Amino acid sequence: METRWLDDGEQRTWRAYLWTTRLLGDALDRQLQRDAGMPYTYYMILATLSEVPGRRMSMTDLAAQVYSSLSRLSHAVARLEERGWVRRSPHPDNRRVTVAELTDDGFAALAQAAPAHVEEVRGRLFDPLSEEQVTQLHDILRALWKGLDPELGAGGPHPGVFGPEA
């Protein structure tokens, strides 16, 4: 099979995508480090736990939610435990399953970090775009995600991201 090389427009779009997503991720991580003393990964773990009933979930489910390997997540959760923001314990019905739980201190750290983080997201991603462009971006991301995550069509680990039309 012959290689389907990118044409000039596709190459420009590909590189623009790569650099934009990298710069956006770096800017969000710097803001959280500066204002909250935590990397973006820790923020996402805390935010994910804050959104589930009881603020607790299995480490396996949490890894799926934050798109992390279990070993990488375990390392991050260990750092969050040291801060007193998360605690791990065996599942009450299945001792082989470990549950991560957001503590009150962790919830307070998240609540303190969230306003500045939301402003950074708004300023870096949404404010430069028109309402129509935000809708277009959402539709483009949905199409890309469907090709990358086969679970999306079945609800997957992130059912609220794209809404019922996903």
C-alpha atoms as a PDB file:
ATOM      1  CA  MET A   1       0.000   0.000   0.000  1.00  0.00           C
ATOM      2  CA  GLU A   2       1.280   3.405  -0.942  1.00  0.00           C
ATOM      3  CA  THR A   3       1.813   6.023   1.792  1.00  0.00           C
ATOM      4  CA  ARG A   4      -0.822   8.741   1.774  1.00  0.00           C
ATOM      5  CA  TRP A   5       1.380  11.735   2.583  1.00  0.00           C
ATOM      6  CA  LEU A   6      -0.177  14.845   4.068  1.00  0.00           C
ATOM      7  CA  ASP A   7      -0.702  17.659   1.610  1.00  0.00           C
ATOM      8  CA  ASP A   8       0.449  21.184   2.509  1.00  0.00           C
ATOM      9  CA  GLY A   9      -2.855  22.177   4.108  1.00  0.00           C
ATOM     10  CA  GLU A  10      -3.062  18.959   6.136  1.00  0.00           C
ATOM     11  CA  GLN A  11       0.556  19.351   7.237  1.00  0.00           C
ATOM     12  CA  ARG A  12      -0.099  22.926   8.404  1.00  0.00           C
ATOM     13  CA  THR A  13      -3.249  21.801  10.245  1.00  0.00           C
ATOM     14  CA  TRP A  14      -1.465  18.857  11.845  1.00  0.00           C
ATOM     15  CA  ARG A  15       1.389  21.020  13.116  1.00  0.00           C
ATOM     16  CA  ALA A  16      -0.991  23.758  14.262  1.00  0.00           C
ATOM     17  CA  TYR A  17      -2.949  21.143  16.208  1.00  0.00           C
ATOM     18  CA  LEU A  18       0.194  19.673  17.798  1.00  0.00           C
ATOM     19  CA  TRP A  19       1.615  23.007  18.891  1.00  0.00           C
ATOM     20  CA  THR A  20      -1.702  24.469  20.016  1.00  0.00           C
ATOM     21  CA  THR A  21      -2.586  21.491  22.198  1.00  0.00           C
ATOM     22  CA  ARG A  22       0.919  21.389  23.632  1.00  0.00           C
ATOM     23  CA  LEU A  23       0.950  25.120  24.396  1.00  0.00           C
ATOM     24  CA  LEU A  24      -2.548  24.958  25.907  1.00  0.00           C
ATOM     25  CA  GLY A  25      -1.645  21.985  28.105  1.00  0.00           C
ATOM     26  CA  ASP A  26       1.583  23.664  29.214  1.00  0.00           C
ATOM     27  CA  ALA A  27      -0.227  26.939  30.016  1.00  0.00           C
ATOM     28  CA  LEU A  28      -2.883  25.146  32.088  1.00  0.00           C
ATOM     29  CA  ASP A  29      -0.259  23.121  33.938  1.00  0.00           C
ATOM     30  CA  ARG A  30       1.833  26.240  34.678  1.00  0.00           C
ATOM     31  CA  GLN A  31      -1.228  28.083  35.993  1.00  0.00           C
ATOM     32  CA  LEU A  32      -2.159  25.239  38.344  1.00  0.00           C
ATOM     33  CA  GLN A  33       1.423  24.849  39.545  1.00  0.00           C
ATOM     34  CA  ARG A  34       1.718  28.606  40.142  1.00  0.00           C
ATOM     35  CA  ASP A  35      -1.673  29.218  41.740  1.00  0.00           C
ATOM     36  CA  ALA A  36      -2.454  25.894  43.439  1.00  0.00           C
ATOM     37  CA  GLY A  37       0.885  24.108  43.774  1.00  0.00           C
ATOM     38  CA  MET A  38      -0.332  21.066  41.865  1.00  0.00           C
ATOM     39  CA  PRO A  39       0.174  19.668  38.366  1.00  0.00           C
ATOM     40  CA  TYR A  40      -2.739  19.340  35.973  1.00  0.00           C
ATOM     41  CA  THR A  41      -2.804  15.558  36.519  1.00  0.00           C
ATOM     42  CA  TYR A  42      -3.507  16.006  40.243  1.00  0.00           C
ATOM     43  CA  TYR A  43      -6.242  18.537  39.492  1.00  0.00           C
ATOM     44  CA  MET A  44      -7.958  16.106  37.100  1.00  0.00           C
ATOM     45  CA  ILE A  45      -7.841  13.298  39.686  1.00  0.00           C
ATOM     46  CA  LEU A  46      -9.352  15.557  42.359  1.00  0.00           C
ATOM     47  CA  ALA A  47     -11.987  16.923  39.958  1.00  0.00           C
ATOM     48  CA  THR A  48     -12.967  13.450  38.788  1.00  0.00           C
ATOM     49  CA  LEU A  49     -13.377  12.178  42.345  1.00  0.00           C
ATOM     50  CA  SER A  50     -15.372  15.292  43.279  1.00  0.00           C
ATOM     51  CA  GLU A  51     -17.967  14.520  40.602  1.00  0.00           C
ATOM     52  CA  VAL A  52     -18.918  10.976  41.672  1.00  0.00           C
ATOM     53  CA  PRO A  53     -21.304   9.951  44.454  1.00  0.00           C
ATOM     54  CA  GLY A  54     -19.490   9.687  47.761  1.00  0.00           C
ATOM     55  CA  ARG A  55     -16.397  11.221  46.117  1.00  0.00           C
ATOM     56  CA  ARG A  56     -14.937   7.715  45.784  1.00  0.00           C
ATOM     57  CA  MET A  57     -14.274   5.219  43.012  1.00  0.00           C
ATOM     58  CA  SER A  58     -12.113   2.217  42.261  1.00  0.00           C
ATOM     59  CA  MET A  59      -8.590   2.927  41.116  1.00  0.00           C
ATOM     60  CA  THR A  60      -9.332   1.034  37.889  1.00  0.00           C
ATOM     61  CA  ASP A  61     -12.344   3.233  37.108  1.00  0.00           C
ATOM     62  CA  LEU A  62     -10.420   6.362  38.075  1.00  0.00           C
ATOM     63  CA  ALA A  63      -7.573   5.386  35.734  1.00  0.00           C
ATOM     64  CA  ALA A  64     -10.085   5.025  32.890  1.00  0.00           C
ATOM     65  CA  GLN A  65     -11.669   8.396  33.694  1.00  0.00           C
ATOM     66  CA  VAL A  66      -8.357  10.277  33.650  1.00  0.00           C
ATOM     67  CA  TYR A  67      -6.858   8.231  30.779  1.00  0.00           C
ATOM     68  CA  SER A  68      -3.953   6.956  32.855  1.00  0.00           C
ATOM     69  CA  SER A  69      -2.265   3.648  33.395  1.00  0.00           C
ATOM     70  CA  LEU A  70      -2.960   2.110  36.774  1.00  0.00           C
ATOM     71  CA  SER A  71       0.716   2.352  37.752  1.00  0.00           C
ATOM     72  CA  ARG A  72       0.965   6.047  36.818  1.00  0.00           C
ATOM     73  CA  LEU A  73      -2.294   6.767  38.655  1.00  0.00           C
ATOM     74  CA  SER A  74      -1.064   4.876  41.738  1.00  0.00           C
ATOM     75  CA  HIS A  75       2.039   7.053  41.839  1.00  0.00           C
ATOM     76  CA  ALA A  76      -0.017  10.269  41.547  1.00  0.00           C
ATOM     77  CA  VAL A  77      -2.534   9.114  44.173  1.00  0.00           C
ATOM     78  CA  ALA A  78       0.350   8.283  46.526  1.00  0.00           C
ATOM     79  CA  ARG A  79       1.486  11.937  46.241  1.00  0.00           C
ATOM     80  CA  LEU A  80      -2.086  13.100  46.852  1.00  0.00           C
ATOM     81  CA  GLU A  81      -2.293  10.844  49.905  1.00  0.00           C
ATOM     82  CA  GLU A  82       0.881  12.476  51.272  1.00  0.00           C
ATOM     83  CA  ARG A  83      -0.910  15.829  51.038  1.00  0.00           C
ATOM     84  CA  GLY A  84      -3.971  14.396  52.763  1.00  0.00           C
ATOM     85  CA  TRP A  85      -6.153  15.059  49.713  1.00  0.00           C
ATOM     86  CA  VAL A  86      -6.989  11.443  48.815  1.00  0.00           C
ATOM     87  CA  ARG A  87      -7.119   8.228  50.813  1.00  0.00           C
ATOM     88  CA  ARG A  88      -7.040   4.672  49.508  1.00  0.00           C
ATOM     89  CA  SER A  89      -8.766   1.713  51.094  1.00  0.00           C
ATOM     90  CA  PRO A  90      -9.936  -1.765  50.109  1.00  0.00           C
ATOM     91  CA  HIS A  91     -13.408  -1.979  48.605  1.00  0.00           C
ATOM     92  CA  PRO A  92     -15.851  -3.142  51.310  1.00  0.00           C
ATOM     93  CA  ASP A  93     -17.279  -5.922  49.108  1.00  0.00           C
ATOM     94  CA  ASN A  94     -14.142  -6.950  47.212  1.00  0.00           C
ATOM     95  CA  ARG A  95     -10.826  -6.743  49.067  1.00  0.00           C
ATOM     96  CA  ARG A  96      -8.938  -7.103  45.756  1.00  0.00           C
ATOM     97  CA  VAL A  97     -10.258  -3.724  44.588  1.00  0.00           C
ATOM     98  CA  THR A  98      -8.713  -0.515  45.888  1.00  0.00           C
ATOM     99  CA  VAL A  99     -10.916   2.545  46.237  1.00  0.00           C
ATOM    100  CA  ALA A 100      -9.655   6.146  46.061  1.00  0.00           C
ATOM    101  CA  GLU A 101     -11.618   8.692  48.069  1.00  0.00           C
ATOM    102  CA  LEU A 102     -11.391  12.472  47.947  1.00  0.00           C
ATOM    103  CA  THR A 103     -10.947  13.806  51.480  1.00  0.00           C
ATOM    104  CA  ASP A 104     -12.471  17.019  52.780  1.00  0.00           C
ATOM    105  CA  ASP A 105      -9.003  18.624  52.572  1.00  0.00           C
ATOM    106  CA  GLY A 106      -8.708  17.456  48.969  1.00  0.00           C
ATOM    107  CA  PHE A 107     -12.122  18.877  48.147  1.00  0.00           C
ATOM    108  CA  ALA A 108     -11.088  22.182  49.768  1.00  0.00           C
ATOM    109  CA  ALA A 109      -7.854  22.246  47.718  1.00  0.00           C
ATOM    110  CA  LEU A 110      -9.864  21.633  44.544  1.00  0.00           C
ATOM    111  CA  ALA A 111     -12.431  24.299  45.458  1.00  0.00           C
ATOM    112  CA  GLN A 112      -9.620  26.786  46.031  1.00  0.00           C
ATOM    113  CA  ALA A 113      -7.859  25.920  42.747  1.00  0.00           C
ATOM    114  CA  ALA A 114     -10.952  25.767  40.517  1.00  0.00           C
ATOM    115  CA  PRO A 115     -11.835  29.470  40.045  1.00  0.00           C
ATOM    116  CA  ALA A 116      -8.397  30.496  38.740  1.00  0.00           C
ATOM    117  CA  HIS A 117      -8.206  27.343  36.636  1.00  0.00           C
ATOM    118  CA  VAL A 118     -11.596  27.988  35.033  1.00  0.00           C
ATOM    119  CA  GLU A 119     -10.523  31.557  34.236  1.00  0.00           C
ATOM    120  CA  GLU A 120      -7.349  30.229  32.606  1.00  0.00           C
ATOM    121  CA  VAL A 121      -9.335  27.727  30.521  1.00  0.00           C
ATOM    122  CA  ARG A 122     -11.813  30.427  29.538  1.00  0.00           C
ATOM    123  CA  GLY A 123      -9.102  32.924  28.643  1.00  0.00           C
ATOM    124  CA  ARG A 124      -6.933  30.482  26.704  1.00  0.00           C
ATOM    125  CA  LEU A 125      -9.583  28.389  24.935  1.00  0.00           C
ATOM    126  CA  PHE A 126     -13.027  29.979  24.839  1.00  0.00           C
ATOM    127  CA  ASP A 127     -12.580  33.755  24.858  1.00  0.00           C
ATOM    128  CA  PRO A 128     -10.614  33.804  21.565  1.00  0.00           C
ATOM    129  CA  LEU A 129     -13.445  31.910  19.802  1.00  0.00           C
ATOM    130  CA  SER A 130     -16.917  32.908  18.707  1.00  0.00           C
ATOM    131  CA  GLU A 131     -19.904  30.899  19.922  1.00  0.00           C
ATOM    132  CA  GLU A 132     -20.108  29.300  16.479  1.00  0.00           C
ATOM    133  CA  GLN A 133     -16.427  28.325  16.610  1.00  0.00           C
ATOM    134  CA  VAL A 134     -16.894  26.728  20.049  1.00  0.00           C
ATOM    135  CA  THR A 135     -19.727  24.609  18.608  1.00  0.00           C
ATOM    136  CA  GLN A 136     -17.579  23.675  15.613  1.00  0.00           C
ATOM    137  CA  LEU A 137     -14.649  22.765  17.864  1.00  0.00           C
ATOM    138  CA  HIS A 138     -16.929  20.564  19.969  1.00  0.00           C
ATOM    139  CA  ASP A 139     -18.202  18.778  16.841  1.00  0.00           C
ATOM    140  CA  ILE A 140     -14.653  18.288  15.517  1.00  0.00           C
ATOM    141  CA  LEU A 141     -13.453  16.903  18.844  1.00  0.00           C
ATOM    142  CA  ARG A 142     -16.418  14.525  19.004  1.00  0.00           C
ATOM    143  CA  ALA A 143     -15.575  13.167  15.548  1.00  0.00           C
ATOM    144  CA  LEU A 144     -11.922  12.703  16.478  1.00  0.00           C
ATOM    145  CA  TRP A 145     -12.708  11.094  19.836  1.00  0.00           C
ATOM    146  CA  LYS A 146     -15.084   8.582  18.245  1.00  0.00           C
ATOM    147  CA  GLY A 147     -12.190   7.359  16.110  1.00  0.00           C
ATOM    148  CA  LEU A 148      -9.830   7.183  19.072  1.00  0.00           C
ATOM    149  CA  ASP A 149     -12.070   5.754  21.798  1.00  0.00           C
ATOM    150  CA  PRO A 150     -14.420   2.980  20.693  1.00  0.00           C
ATOM    151  CA  GLU A 151     -16.162   3.098  24.087  1.00  0.00           C
ATOM    152  CA  LEU A 152     -17.490   6.598  23.354  1.00  0.00           C
ATOM    153  CA  GLY A 153     -20.362   5.298  21.272  1.00  0.00           C
ATOM    154  CA  ALA A 154     -21.403   3.015  24.142  1.00  0.00           C
ATOM    155  CA  GLY A 155     -21.292   5.782  26.732  1.00  0.00           C
ATOM    156  CA  GLY A 156     -17.676   4.996  27.605  1.00  0.00           C
ATOM    157  CA  PRO A 157     -15.950   6.377  30.663  1.00  0.00           C
ATOM    158  CA  HIS A 158     -16.983   9.958  29.820  1.00  0.00           C
ATOM    159  CA  PRO A 159     -20.702   9.940  28.982  1.00  0.00           C
ATOM    160  CA  GLY A 160     -21.239  13.637  29.764  1.00  0.00           C
ATOM    161  CA  VAL A 161     -18.498  15.058  27.560  1.00  0.00           C
ATOM    162  CA  PHE A 162     -20.335  14.989  24.249  1.00  0.00           C
ATOM    163  CA  GLY A 163     -23.904  14.673  25.426  1.00  0.00           C
ATOM    164  CA  PRO A 164     -26.538  12.246  24.223  1.00  0.00           C
ATOM    165  CA  GLU A 165     -25.841  12.819  20.538  1.00  0.00           C
ATOM    166  CA  ALA A 166     -22.354  11.242  20.815  1.00  0.00           C
END
